Amino acid sequence: MKFPFVSAAMLALAVSACSITAKPASPLAHSVATGWVAQQAPGFYRFRLGDFRITVLSDGTAPRDLPKIMSKPEAVRAAFTASHQALPVELSINAYLIDTGEKRILVDTGAGVLFGPSSGYLVANLHAGGYSAEDIDVILLTHIHGDHSGGLSIGGKPVFPKAIVYVDRRDPAHWLSAEEEAKAPANRRTTFVQSHQTVDPYVRAGRLQTFDGPTELFPGIRTVPEYGHTPGLTGYMLESEGKQLLLWGDIIHAAEVQFADPTLTIDYDVDPVMAIATRQRVLQGAARQGYLVGGAHLSFPGIGHVRFDNGRYAWVPAPYQAKP
């Protein structure tokens, strides 16, 4: 049998096409080829704050029936109805990676395995965003609660092998204290157990550092006390080239209602009265000064500004950036 003449260029093109076809399809390519798949794309979002490179990381969500765990349940239901949002709702669990060029600093770690299958995706999304758990030099905890410190350890082993963990001294003094646990109400005992499970491995390794109130931990990164939700709840103010971002942790759980009514509390507040006063102060500062805000439970990526209008605060999500 005779074969038609094949030029070198044609042969190279054919080989190239074969090699491309022979490559195993990526999960994303497989999803596209087979239609709708019950999963989201990797949850990370990048932007710059001056010289800092920020990656917002989704740990997933925490489904919650908010009227059952928040004060003023009827007001919560009314606010969600007015916002055309169904209840229960899935609250975002957001964490933030700050790449300063010298250090890679993670603010909060998600829930790990504590909150079930809707969360625990932080490390996978960290990988998708171009980093690994081994890359993390520092972890700044806004506070010790399962959805913020739960991703520190799994099965008693640290997830971040070289990271030093920083937290306001008031939180470990509370959540790692046998005396505080003994007098805590039954609905808070689980937090004490989870805190030991996830934080103790870093204590034993000598990698838990505490600070006391307002502190500049690293150039351009200082702590902002936000006590009330927990004894040591702390925000982190980032500043680079004149631009500011406050990562405020749990100042807001339900954007649909707490911006308009900052006096609304949640059962997880250790000191509800102080939590209200802190929320009002933080919202006022953000609205007046106009700096960027990152919220742990604002819908992913949870980046935006606070506006004060007609006697009420409101959330203004930052525009999406196609190229950071």
C-alpha atoms as a PDB file:
ATOM      1  CA  MET A   1       0.000   0.000   0.000  1.00  0.00           C
ATOM      2  CA  LYS A   2       1.256   3.455  -0.862  1.00  0.00           C
ATOM      3  CA  PHE A   3       1.190   6.219   1.724  1.00  0.00           C
ATOM      4  CA  PRO A   4       0.568   9.840   0.793  1.00  0.00           C
ATOM      5  CA  PHE A   5       3.449  12.235   1.182  1.00  0.00           C
ATOM      6  CA  VAL A   6       3.574  13.783   4.657  1.00  0.00           C
ATOM      7  CA  SER A   7       5.673  16.898   5.224  1.00  0.00           C
ATOM      8  CA  ALA A   8       7.693  17.385   8.374  1.00  0.00           C
ATOM      9  CA  ALA A   9       5.402  20.227   9.419  1.00  0.00           C
ATOM     10  CA  MET A  10       2.310  18.075   8.957  1.00  0.00           C
ATOM     11  CA  LEU A  11       3.894  15.252  10.915  1.00  0.00           C
ATOM     12  CA  ALA A  12       4.799  17.580  13.764  1.00  0.00           C
ATOM     13  CA  LEU A  13       1.259  18.920  13.859  1.00  0.00           C
ATOM     14  CA  ALA A  14      -0.174  15.390  13.954  1.00  0.00           C
ATOM     15  CA  VAL A  15       2.170  14.320  16.747  1.00  0.00           C
ATOM     16  CA  SER A  16       1.264  17.460  18.697  1.00  0.00           C
ATOM     17  CA  ALA A  17      -2.443  16.777  18.282  1.00  0.00           C
ATOM     18  CA  CYS A  18      -2.020  13.183  19.413  1.00  0.00           C
ATOM     19  CA  SER A  19      -0.024  14.201  22.450  1.00  0.00           C
ATOM     20  CA  ILE A  20      -2.661  16.734  23.482  1.00  0.00           C
ATOM     21  CA  THR A  21      -5.425  14.177  23.059  1.00  0.00           C
ATOM     22  CA  ALA A  22      -3.468  11.609  25.028  1.00  0.00           C
ATOM     23  CA  LYS A  23      -3.159  13.826  28.104  1.00  0.00           C
ATOM     24  CA  PRO A  24      -5.492  12.863  30.946  1.00  0.00           C
ATOM     25  CA  ALA A  25      -8.326  15.322  31.306  1.00  0.00           C
ATOM     26  CA  SER A  26      -8.236  17.643  34.312  1.00  0.00           C
ATOM     27  CA  PRO A  27     -11.156  17.511  36.765  1.00  0.00           C
ATOM     28  CA  LEU A  28     -12.377  20.827  35.376  1.00  0.00           C
ATOM     29  CA  ALA A  29     -12.184  19.599  31.793  1.00  0.00           C
ATOM     30  CA  HIS A  30     -14.047  16.447  32.817  1.00  0.00           C
ATOM     31  CA  SER A  31     -16.768  18.550  34.450  1.00  0.00           C
ATOM     32  CA  VAL A  32     -17.206  20.641  31.334  1.00  0.00           C
ATOM     33  CA  ALA A  33     -17.321  17.576  29.090  1.00  0.00           C
ATOM     34  CA  THR A  34     -19.943  15.758  31.125  1.00  0.00           C
ATOM     35  CA  GLY A  35     -22.151  18.703  32.048  1.00  0.00           C
ATOM     36  CA  TRP A  36     -23.310  19.837  35.470  1.00  0.00           C
ATOM     37  CA  VAL A  37     -21.404  18.465  38.467  1.00  0.00           C
ATOM     38  CA  ALA A  38     -22.424  19.061  42.088  1.00  0.00           C
ATOM     39  CA  GLN A  39     -19.275  20.901  43.128  1.00  0.00           C
ATOM     40  CA  GLN A  40     -17.893  24.425  42.993  1.00  0.00           C
ATOM     41  CA  ALA A  41     -14.705  25.647  41.388  1.00  0.00           C
ATOM     42  CA  PRO A  42     -11.718  26.106  43.733  1.00  0.00           C
ATOM     43  CA  GLY A  43     -12.510  28.876  46.213  1.00  0.00           C
ATOM     44  CA  PHE A  44      -9.779  31.494  46.161  1.00  0.00           C
ATOM     45  CA  TYR A  45      -9.730  35.162  45.173  1.00  0.00           C
ATOM     46  CA  ARG A  46      -6.628  37.297  44.701  1.00  0.00           C
ATOM     47  CA  PHE A  47      -6.072  41.018  45.000  1.00  0.00           C
ATOM     48  CA  ARG A  48      -3.319  43.437  45.971  1.00  0.00           C
ATOM     49  CA  LEU A  49      -3.100  45.823  48.885  1.00  0.00           C
ATOM     50  CA  GLY A  50      -0.104  47.980  48.089  1.00  0.00           C
ATOM     51  CA  ASP A  51       2.882  45.632  48.196  1.00  0.00           C
ATOM     52  CA  PHE A  52       0.897  42.865  49.898  1.00  0.00           C
ATOM     53  CA  ARG A  53      -0.525  40.061  47.777  1.00  0.00           C
ATOM     54  CA  ILE A  54      -3.759  38.852  49.356  1.00  0.00           C
ATOM     55  CA  THR A  55      -5.495  35.565  48.618  1.00  0.00           C
ATOM     56  CA  VAL A  56      -8.939  35.040  50.114  1.00  0.00           C
ATOM     57  CA  LEU A  57      -9.486  31.338  50.806  1.00  0.00           C
ATOM     58  CA  SER A  58     -12.854  29.668  51.195  1.00  0.00           C
ATOM     59  CA  ASP A  59     -13.069  26.908  53.763  1.00  0.00           C
ATOM     60  CA  GLY A  60     -16.653  26.262  52.632  1.00  0.00           C
ATOM     61  CA  THR A  61     -19.785  27.106  54.564  1.00  0.00           C
ATOM     62  CA  ALA A  62     -21.527  26.566  57.886  1.00  0.00           C
ATOM     63  CA  PRO A  63     -25.283  25.921  57.462  1.00  0.00           C
ATOM     64  CA  ARG A  64     -27.176  27.693  60.236  1.00  0.00           C
ATOM     65  CA  ASP A  65     -30.830  28.336  61.096  1.00  0.00           C
ATOM     66  CA  LEU A  66     -30.102  31.854  62.294  1.00  0.00           C
ATOM     67  CA  PRO A  67     -33.442  32.730  63.951  1.00  0.00           C
ATOM     68  CA  LYS A  68     -32.815  29.863  66.377  1.00  0.00           C
ATOM     69  CA  ILE A  69     -29.397  31.129  67.440  1.00  0.00           C
ATOM     70  CA  MET A  70     -29.718  34.920  67.183  1.00  0.00           C
ATOM     71  CA  SER A  71     -31.494  37.481  69.327  1.00  0.00           C
ATOM     72  CA  LYS A  72     -34.659  39.033  67.861  1.00  0.00           C
ATOM     73  CA  PRO A  73     -35.589  35.930  65.802  1.00  0.00           C
ATOM     74  CA  GLU A  74     -38.595  37.610  64.188  1.00  0.00           C
ATOM     75  CA  ALA A  75     -36.420  40.494  63.019  1.00  0.00           C
ATOM     76  CA  VAL A  76     -33.978  37.968  61.537  1.00  0.00           C
ATOM     77  CA  ARG A  77     -36.759  36.173  59.644  1.00  0.00           C
ATOM     78  CA  ALA A  78     -38.171  39.470  58.388  1.00  0.00           C
ATOM     79  CA  ALA A  79     -34.752  40.655  57.204  1.00  0.00           C
ATOM     80  CA  PHE A  80     -34.098  37.441  55.296  1.00  0.00           C
ATOM     81  CA  THR A  81     -37.562  37.534  53.746  1.00  0.00           C
ATOM     82  CA  ALA A  82     -37.035  41.142  52.655  1.00  0.00           C
ATOM     83  CA  SER A  83     -33.679  40.119  51.163  1.00  0.00           C
ATOM     84  CA  HIS A  84     -35.306  37.188  49.321  1.00  0.00           C
ATOM     85  CA  GLN A  85     -32.988  34.801  51.134  1.00  0.00           C
ATOM     86  CA  ALA A  86     -34.071  31.378  52.347  1.00  0.00           C
ATOM     87  CA  LEU A  87     -33.437  29.990  55.823  1.00  0.00           C
ATOM     88  CA  PRO A  88     -31.447  28.075  56.972  1.00  0.00           C
ATOM     89  CA  VAL A  89     -28.553  29.887  55.323  1.00  0.00           C
ATOM     90  CA  GLU A  90     -25.009  28.778  54.523  1.00  0.00           C
ATOM     91  CA  LEU A  91     -22.584  31.194  56.153  1.00  0.00           C
ATOM     92  CA  SER A  92     -19.291  31.596  54.327  1.00  0.00           C
ATOM     93  CA  ILE A  93     -16.122  30.648  56.192  1.00  0.00           C
ATOM     94  CA  ASN A  94     -13.359  32.866  54.825  1.00  0.00           C
ATOM     95  CA  ALA A  95      -9.648  32.943  55.632  1.00  0.00           C
ATOM     96  CA  TYR A  96      -6.966  35.245  54.276  1.00  0.00           C
ATOM     97  CA  LEU A  97      -3.408  34.636  53.104  1.00  0.00           C
ATOM     98  CA  ILE A  98      -1.075  37.643  53.172  1.00  0.00           C
ATOM     99  CA  ASP A  99       2.076  37.258  51.092  1.00  0.00           C
ATOM    100  CA  THR A 100       4.323  40.129  52.158  1.00  0.00           C
ATOM    101  CA  GLY A 101       7.240  38.986  50.000  1.00  0.00           C
ATOM    102  CA  GLU A 102       9.107  37.990  53.147  1.00  0.00           C
ATOM    103  CA  LYS A 103       6.470  35.998  55.010  1.00  0.00           C
ATOM    104  CA  ARG A 104       3.334  34.083  54.184  1.00  0.00           C
ATOM    105  CA  ILE A 105       0.803  34.870  56.862  1.00  0.00           C
ATOM    106  CA  LEU A 106      -2.537  33.095  57.169  1.00  0.00           C
ATOM    107  CA  VAL A 107      -5.390  34.752  59.055  1.00  0.00           C
ATOM    108  CA  ASP A 108      -7.612  31.962  60.456  1.00  0.00           C
ATOM    109  CA  THR A 109      -7.623  28.321  59.359  1.00  0.00           C
ATOM    110  CA  GLY A 110     -11.252  27.359  58.763  1.00  0.00           C
ATOM    111  CA  ALA A 111     -13.031  24.483  60.470  1.00  0.00           C
ATOM    112  CA  GLY A 112     -10.902  21.514  59.460  1.00  0.00           C
ATOM    113  CA  VAL A 113     -12.996  18.401  60.109  1.00  0.00           C
ATOM    114  CA  LEU A 114     -15.111  19.907  62.898  1.00  0.00           C
ATOM    115  CA  PHE A 115     -18.093  21.237  60.942  1.00  0.00           C
ATOM    116  CA  GLY A 116     -18.895  18.419  58.548  1.00  0.00           C
ATOM    117  CA  PRO A 117     -18.805  18.073  54.746  1.00  0.00           C
ATOM    118  CA  SER A 118     -19.753  21.643  53.841  1.00  0.00           C
ATOM    119  CA  SER A 119     -16.420  22.968  55.140  1.00  0.00           C
ATOM    120  CA  GLY A 120     -12.794  21.933  55.555  1.00  0.00           C
ATOM    121  CA  TYR A 121     -11.628  23.013  52.090  1.00  0.00           C
ATOM    122  CA  LEU A 122      -9.009  25.567  53.109  1.00  0.00           C
ATOM    123  CA  VAL A 123      -5.905  23.469  52.422  1.00  0.00           C
ATOM    124  CA  ALA A 124      -7.246  22.270  49.065  1.00  0.00           C
ATOM    125  CA  ASN A 125      -8.035  25.847  48.064  1.00  0.00           C
ATOM    126  CA  LEU A 126      -4.632  26.958  49.347  1.00  0.00           C
ATOM    127  CA  HIS A 127      -3.072  24.468  46.915  1.00  0.00           C
ATOM    128  CA  ALA A 128      -5.354  25.629  44.109  1.00  0.00           C
ATOM    129  CA  GLY A 129      -4.200  29.193  44.796  1.00  0.00           C
ATOM    130  CA  GLY A 130      -0.536  28.234  44.362  1.00  0.00           C
ATOM    131  CA  TYR A 131       0.534  27.640  47.980  1.00  0.00           C
ATOM    132  CA  SER A 132       0.822  24.712  50.381  1.00  0.00           C
ATOM    133  CA  ALA A 133       0.428  24.245  54.126  1.00  0.00           C
ATOM    134  CA  GLU A 134       4.208  23.925  54.305  1.00  0.00           C
ATOM    135  CA  ASP A 135       4.571  27.459  52.900  1.00  0.00           C
ATOM    136  CA  ILE A 136       2.815  29.126  55.834  1.00  0.00           C
ATOM    137  CA  ASP A 137       5.195  30.922  58.210  1.00  0.00           C
ATOM    138  CA  VAL A 138       2.670  32.561  60.532  1.00  0.00           C
ATOM    139  CA  ILE A 139      -0.974  32.041  61.499  1.00  0.00           C
ATOM    140  CA  LEU A 140      -2.917  34.913  63.034  1.00  0.00           C
ATOM    141  CA  LEU A 141      -6.096  33.743  64.751  1.00  0.00           C
ATOM    142  CA  THR A 142      -8.894  36.260  65.068  1.00  0.00           C
ATOM    143  CA  HIS A 143     -10.117  34.038  67.893  1.00  0.00           C
ATOM    144  CA  ILE A 144     -10.397  30.454  69.070  1.00  0.00           C
ATOM    145  CA  HIS A 145     -13.645  29.043  67.709  1.00  0.00           C
ATOM    146  CA  GLY A 146     -14.090  25.882  65.668  1.00  0.00           C
ATOM    147  CA  ASP A 147     -14.551  27.642  62.330  1.00  0.00           C
ATOM    148  CA  HIS A 148     -11.449  29.808  62.805  1.00  0.00           C
ATOM    149  CA  SER A 149      -8.954  27.627  64.663  1.00  0.00           C
ATOM    150  CA  GLY A 150     -10.391  24.197  63.792  1.00  0.00           C
ATOM    151  CA  GLY A 151      -8.136  23.806  60.752  1.00  0.00           C
ATOM    152  CA  LEU A 152      -4.952  24.083  62.809  1.00  0.00           C
ATOM    153  CA  SER A 153      -4.759  20.354  63.548  1.00  0.00           C
ATOM    154  CA  ILE A 154      -6.394  17.162  62.379  1.00  0.00           C
ATOM    155  CA  GLY A 155      -6.164  13.960  64.407  1.00  0.00           C
ATOM    156  CA  GLY A 156      -3.906  15.688  66.914  1.00  0.00           C
ATOM    157  CA  LYS A 157      -1.305  16.586  64.271  1.00  0.00           C
ATOM    158  CA  PRO A 158      -0.528  20.139  63.125  1.00  0.00           C
ATOM    159  CA  VAL A 159      -1.644  20.832  59.565  1.00  0.00           C
ATOM    160  CA  PHE A 160       0.900  23.650  59.159  1.00  0.00           C
ATOM    161  CA  PRO A 161       4.275  22.105  60.018  1.00  0.00           C
ATOM    162  CA  LYS A 162       6.367  25.253  60.498  1.00  0.00           C
ATOM    163  CA  ALA A 163       3.821  27.962  61.329  1.00  0.00           C
ATOM    164  CA  ILE A 164       3.938  30.027  64.512  1.00  0.00           C
ATOM    165  CA  VAL A 165       0.399  30.769  65.751  1.00  0.00           C
ATOM    166  CA  TYR A 166      -0.482  34.158  67.248  1.00  0.00           C
ATOM    167  CA  VAL A 167      -3.618  34.935  69.264  1.00  0.00           C
ATOM    168  CA  ASP A 168      -4.658  37.466  71.909  1.00  0.00           C
ATOM    169  CA  ARG A 169      -3.748  36.047  75.328  1.00  0.00           C
ATOM    170  CA  ARG A 170      -7.371  36.289  76.511  1.00  0.00           C
ATOM    171  CA  ASP A 171      -8.609  33.531  74.247  1.00  0.00           C
ATOM    172  CA  PRO A 172      -6.269  30.679  75.266  1.00  0.00           C
ATOM    173  CA  ALA A 173      -6.640  31.844  78.877  1.00  0.00           C
ATOM    174  CA  HIS A 174     -10.360  31.160  78.456  1.00  0.00           C
ATOM    175  CA  TRP A 175     -10.734  28.254  75.994  1.00  0.00           C
ATOM    176  CA  LEU A 176      -7.762  26.220  77.230  1.00  0.00           C
ATOM    177  CA  SER A 177      -8.609  26.680  80.912  1.00  0.00           C
ATOM    178  CA  ALA A 178     -10.000  23.765  82.929  1.00  0.00           C
ATOM    179  CA  GLU A 179     -11.507  26.228  85.422  1.00  0.00           C
ATOM    180  CA  GLU A 180     -13.361  28.156  82.702  1.00  0.00           C
ATOM    181  CA  GLU A 181     -14.575  24.915  81.149  1.00  0.00           C
ATOM    182  CA  ALA A 182     -15.942  23.679  84.475  1.00  0.00           C
ATOM    183  CA  LYS A 183     -18.143  26.736  84.926  1.00  0.00           C
ATOM    184  CA  ALA A 184     -19.173  27.119  81.277  1.00  0.00           C
ATOM    185  CA  PRO A 185     -22.786  26.434  80.241  1.00  0.00           C
ATOM    186  CA  ALA A 186     -23.410  23.099  78.552  1.00  0.00           C
ATOM    187  CA  ASN A 187     -23.866  24.630  75.092  1.00  0.00           C
ATOM    188  CA  ARG A 188     -20.270  25.947  75.171  1.00  0.00           C
ATOM    189  CA  ARG A 189     -18.495  22.805  76.402  1.00  0.00           C
ATOM    190  CA  THR A 190     -17.894  21.573  72.851  1.00  0.00           C
ATOM    191  CA  THR A 191     -15.793  24.646  72.074  1.00  0.00           C
ATOM    192  CA  PHE A 192     -13.455  23.827  74.966  1.00  0.00           C
ATOM    193  CA  VAL A 193     -13.008  20.254  73.717  1.00  0.00           C
ATOM    194  CA  GLN A 194     -12.403  21.380  70.130  1.00  0.00           C
ATOM    195  CA  SER A 195      -9.964  24.044  71.280  1.00  0.00           C
ATOM    196  CA  HIS A 196      -7.794  21.459  73.011  1.00  0.00           C
ATOM    197  CA  GLN A 197      -7.972  19.156  70.004  1.00  0.00           C
ATOM    198  CA  THR A 198      -6.806  21.794  67.552  1.00  0.00           C
ATOM    199  CA  VAL A 199      -4.712  24.314  69.501  1.00  0.00           C
ATOM    200  CA  ASP A 200      -2.912  22.050  72.011  1.00  0.00           C
ATOM    201  CA  PRO A 201      -0.581  20.472  69.399  1.00  0.00           C
ATOM    202  CA  TYR A 202       0.911  23.945  68.789  1.00  0.00           C
ATOM    203  CA  VAL A 203       1.139  24.612  72.527  1.00  0.00           C
ATOM    204  CA  ARG A 204       3.057  21.349  73.014  1.00  0.00           C
ATOM    205  CA  ALA A 205       5.373  22.224  70.122  1.00  0.00           C
ATOM    206  CA  GLY A 206       6.088  25.673  71.576  1.00  0.00           C
ATOM    207  CA  ARG A 207       4.544  27.337  68.541  1.00  0.00           C
ATOM    208  CA  LEU A 208       1.724  29.315  70.171  1.00  0.00           C
ATOM    209  CA  GLN A 209       2.565  32.969  70.809  1.00  0.00           C
ATOM    210  CA  THR A 210       0.215  35.371  72.583  1.00  0.00           C
ATOM    211  CA  PHE A 211      -0.038  39.156  72.469  1.00  0.00           C
ATOM    212  CA  ASP A 212      -1.868  41.581  74.735  1.00  0.00           C
ATOM    213  CA  GLY A 213      -4.163  44.067  73.046  1.00  0.00           C
ATOM    214  CA  PRO A 214      -2.953  46.534  70.379  1.00  0.00           C
ATOM    215  CA  THR A 215       0.336  45.256  68.969  1.00  0.00           C
ATOM    216  CA  GLU A 216       2.328  45.664  65.758  1.00  0.00           C
ATOM    217  CA  LEU A 217       3.185  42.055  65.027  1.00  0.00           C
ATOM    218  CA  PHE A 218       4.910  42.585  61.681  1.00  0.00           C
ATOM    219  CA  PRO A 219       5.620  45.617  59.493  1.00  0.00           C
ATOM    220  CA  GLY A 220       2.249  46.795  58.192  1.00  0.00           C
ATOM    221  CA  ILE A 221       0.236  44.377  60.354  1.00  0.00           C
ATOM    222  CA  ARG A 222      -1.203  45.424  63.696  1.00  0.00           C
ATOM    223  CA  THR A 223      -3.854  44.006  65.988  1.00  0.00           C
ATOM    224  CA  VAL A 224      -7.216  45.664  66.684  1.00  0.00           C
ATOM    225  CA  PRO A 225      -8.948  44.474  69.902  1.00  0.00           C
ATOM    226  CA  GLU A 226     -12.575  43.487  69.266  1.00  0.00           C
ATOM    227  CA  TYR A 227     -13.451  41.800  72.551  1.00  0.00           C
ATOM    228  CA  GLY A 228     -16.933  40.482  73.264  1.00  0.00           C
ATOM    229  CA  HIS A 229     -17.722  37.701  70.832  1.00  0.00           C
ATOM    230  CA  THR A 230     -14.864  35.908  72.577  1.00  0.00           C
ATOM    231  CA  PRO A 231     -12.659  37.327  75.345  1.00  0.00           C
ATOM    232  CA  GLY A 232      -9.829  37.937  72.863  1.00  0.00           C
ATOM    233  CA  LEU A 233     -11.491  38.471  69.467  1.00  0.00           C
ATOM    234  CA  THR A 234      -8.998  40.459  67.398  1.00  0.00           C
ATOM    235  CA  GLY A 235      -9.052  42.128  64.016  1.00  0.00           C
ATOM    236  CA  TYR A 236      -5.900  42.614  61.962  1.00  0.00           C
ATOM    237  CA  MET A 237      -5.297  45.951  60.247  1.00  0.00           C
ATOM    238  CA  LEU A 238      -3.051  45.680  57.201  1.00  0.00           C
ATOM    239  CA  GLU A 239      -1.425  48.749  55.705  1.00  0.00           C
ATOM    240  CA  SER A 240       0.790  49.017  52.645  1.00  0.00           C
ATOM    241  CA  GLU A 241       1.526  52.034  50.455  1.00  0.00           C
ATOM    242  CA  GLY A 242      -1.187  54.023  52.193  1.00  0.00           C
ATOM    243  CA  LYS A 243      -3.900  51.405  51.609  1.00  0.00           C
ATOM    244  CA  GLN A 244      -5.653  49.709  54.525  1.00  0.00           C
ATOM    245  CA  LEU A 245      -7.606  46.493  55.046  1.00  0.00           C
ATOM    246  CA  LEU A 246      -9.214  45.387  58.309  1.00  0.00           C
ATOM    247  CA  LEU A 247      -9.734  41.637  58.634  1.00  0.00           C
ATOM    248  CA  TRP A 248     -12.359  41.775  61.362  1.00  0.00           C
ATOM    249  CA  GLY A 249     -13.199  38.121  62.056  1.00  0.00           C
ATOM    250  CA  ASP A 250     -16.672  37.726  63.579  1.00  0.00           C
ATOM    251  CA  ILE A 251     -17.915  41.291  63.834  1.00  0.00           C
ATOM    252  CA  ILE A 252     -20.786  40.309  61.507  1.00  0.00           C
ATOM    253  CA  HIS A 253     -22.373  36.872  61.151  1.00  0.00           C
ATOM    254  CA  ALA A 254     -25.507  37.804  59.189  1.00  0.00           C
ATOM    255  CA  ALA A 255     -25.068  40.714  56.797  1.00  0.00           C
ATOM    256  CA  GLU A 256     -28.776  40.713  55.996  1.00  0.00           C
ATOM    257  CA  VAL A 257     -29.638  41.994  59.463  1.00  0.00           C
ATOM    258  CA  GLN A 258     -26.620  42.977  61.589  1.00  0.00           C
ATOM    259  CA  PHE A 259     -25.465  45.936  59.521  1.00  0.00           C
ATOM    260  CA  ALA A 260     -28.899  47.526  59.843  1.00  0.00           C
ATOM    261  CA  ASP A 261     -29.204  46.460  63.492  1.00  0.00           C
ATOM    262  CA  PRO A 262     -25.809  46.065  65.219  1.00  0.00           C
ATOM    263  CA  THR A 263     -27.558  45.269  68.530  1.00  0.00           C
ATOM    264  CA  LEU A 264     -28.525  41.828  67.253  1.00  0.00           C
ATOM    265  CA  THR A 265     -26.362  39.109  68.829  1.00  0.00           C
ATOM    266  CA  ILE A 266     -25.651  35.415  68.281  1.00  0.00           C
ATOM    267  CA  ASP A 267     -25.565  32.577  70.828  1.00  0.00           C
ATOM    268  CA  TYR A 268     -21.811  32.159  70.323  1.00  0.00           C
ATOM    269  CA  ASP A 269     -21.135  35.595  71.856  1.00  0.00           C
ATOM    270  CA  VAL A 270     -19.394  35.071  75.188  1.00  0.00           C
ATOM    271  CA  ASP A 271     -20.252  38.619  76.287  1.00  0.00           C
ATOM    272  CA  PRO A 272     -23.208  39.854  74.179  1.00  0.00           C
ATOM    273  CA  VAL A 273     -23.239  43.356  75.676  1.00  0.00           C
ATOM    274  CA  MET A 274     -19.563  43.884  74.901  1.00  0.00           C
ATOM    275  CA  ALA A 275     -20.014  42.293  71.461  1.00  0.00           C
ATOM    276  CA  ILE A 276     -22.678  44.890  70.610  1.00  0.00           C
ATOM    277  CA  ALA A 277     -20.505  47.795  71.742  1.00  0.00           C
ATOM    278  CA  THR A 278     -17.550  46.431  69.763  1.00  0.00           C
ATOM    279  CA  ARG A 279     -19.624  45.914  66.625  1.00  0.00           C
ATOM    280  CA  GLN A 280     -20.936  49.479  66.779  1.00  0.00           C
ATOM    281  CA  ARG A 281     -17.430  50.870  67.272  1.00  0.00           C
ATOM    282  CA  VAL A 282     -15.906  48.828  64.445  1.00  0.00           C
ATOM    283  CA  LEU A 283     -18.709  49.627  62.002  1.00  0.00           C
ATOM    284  CA  GLN A 284     -18.458  53.311  62.827  1.00  0.00           C
ATOM    285  CA  GLY A 285     -14.688  53.313  62.241  1.00  0.00           C
ATOM    286  CA  ALA A 286     -14.962  51.434  58.945  1.00  0.00           C
ATOM    287  CA  ALA A 287     -17.717  53.732  57.648  1.00  0.00           C
ATOM    288  CA  ARG A 288     -15.968  56.949  58.681  1.00  0.00           C
ATOM    289  CA  GLN A 289     -12.467  56.060  57.532  1.00  0.00           C
ATOM    290  CA  GLY A 290     -13.460  54.150  54.416  1.00  0.00           C
ATOM    291  CA  TYR A 291     -10.848  51.421  54.580  1.00  0.00           C
ATOM    292  CA  LEU A 292     -11.385  48.033  52.990  1.00  0.00           C
ATOM    293  CA  VAL A 293     -12.858  45.273  55.164  1.00  0.00           C
ATOM    294  CA  GLY A 294     -12.622  41.481  55.061  1.00  0.00           C
ATOM    295  CA  GLY A 295     -15.303  39.542  56.954  1.00  0.00           C
ATOM    296  CA  ALA A 296     -15.037  35.899  57.947  1.00  0.00           C
ATOM    297  CA  HIS A 297     -18.746  35.225  57.412  1.00  0.00           C
ATOM    298  CA  LEU A 298     -19.642  37.695  54.681  1.00  0.00           C
ATOM    299  CA  SER A 299     -20.423  35.928  51.414  1.00  0.00           C
ATOM    300  CA  PHE A 300     -17.168  34.822  49.784  1.00  0.00           C
ATOM    301  CA  PRO A 301     -14.813  36.551  49.194  1.00  0.00           C
ATOM    302  CA  GLY A 302     -16.203  38.890  51.857  1.00  0.00           C
ATOM    303  CA  ILE A 303     -14.244  41.970  50.729  1.00  0.00           C
ATOM    304  CA  GLY A 304     -15.838  45.417  50.648  1.00  0.00           C
ATOM    305  CA  HIS A 305     -16.665  48.631  52.480  1.00  0.00           C
ATOM    306  CA  VAL A 306     -19.106  49.766  55.157  1.00  0.00           C
ATOM    307  CA  ARG A 307     -21.473  52.616  54.285  1.00  0.00           C
ATOM    308  CA  PHE A 308     -23.539  54.701  56.706  1.00  0.00           C
ATOM    309  CA  ASP A 309     -26.723  56.039  55.139  1.00  0.00           C
ATOM    310  CA  ASN A 310     -30.027  57.261  56.608  1.00  0.00           C
ATOM    311  CA  GLY A 311     -29.001  56.218  60.106  1.00  0.00           C
ATOM    312  CA  ARG A 312     -28.062  52.649  59.130  1.00  0.00           C
ATOM    313  CA  TYR A 313     -24.945  50.792  58.167  1.00  0.00           C
ATOM    314  CA  ALA A 314     -24.839  48.809  54.933  1.00  0.00           C
ATOM    315  CA  TRP A 315     -22.387  46.440  53.257  1.00  0.00           C
ATOM    316  CA  VAL A 316     -20.924  47.381  49.861  1.00  0.00           C
ATOM    317  CA  PRO A 317     -19.051  44.433  48.250  1.00  0.00           C
ATOM    318  CA  ALA A 318     -15.866  45.409  46.424  1.00  0.00           C
ATOM    319  CA  PRO A 319     -16.026  45.123  42.628  1.00  0.00           C
ATOM    320  CA  TYR A 320     -14.650  41.892  41.209  1.00  0.00           C
ATOM    321  CA  GLN A 321     -11.160  42.218  39.753  1.00  0.00           C
ATOM    322  CA  ALA A 322     -10.424  40.068  36.719  1.00  0.00           C
ATOM    323  CA  LYS A 323      -6.667  40.609  37.108  1.00  0.00           C
ATOM    324  CA  PRO A 324      -5.136  41.216  40.552  1.00  0.00           C
END
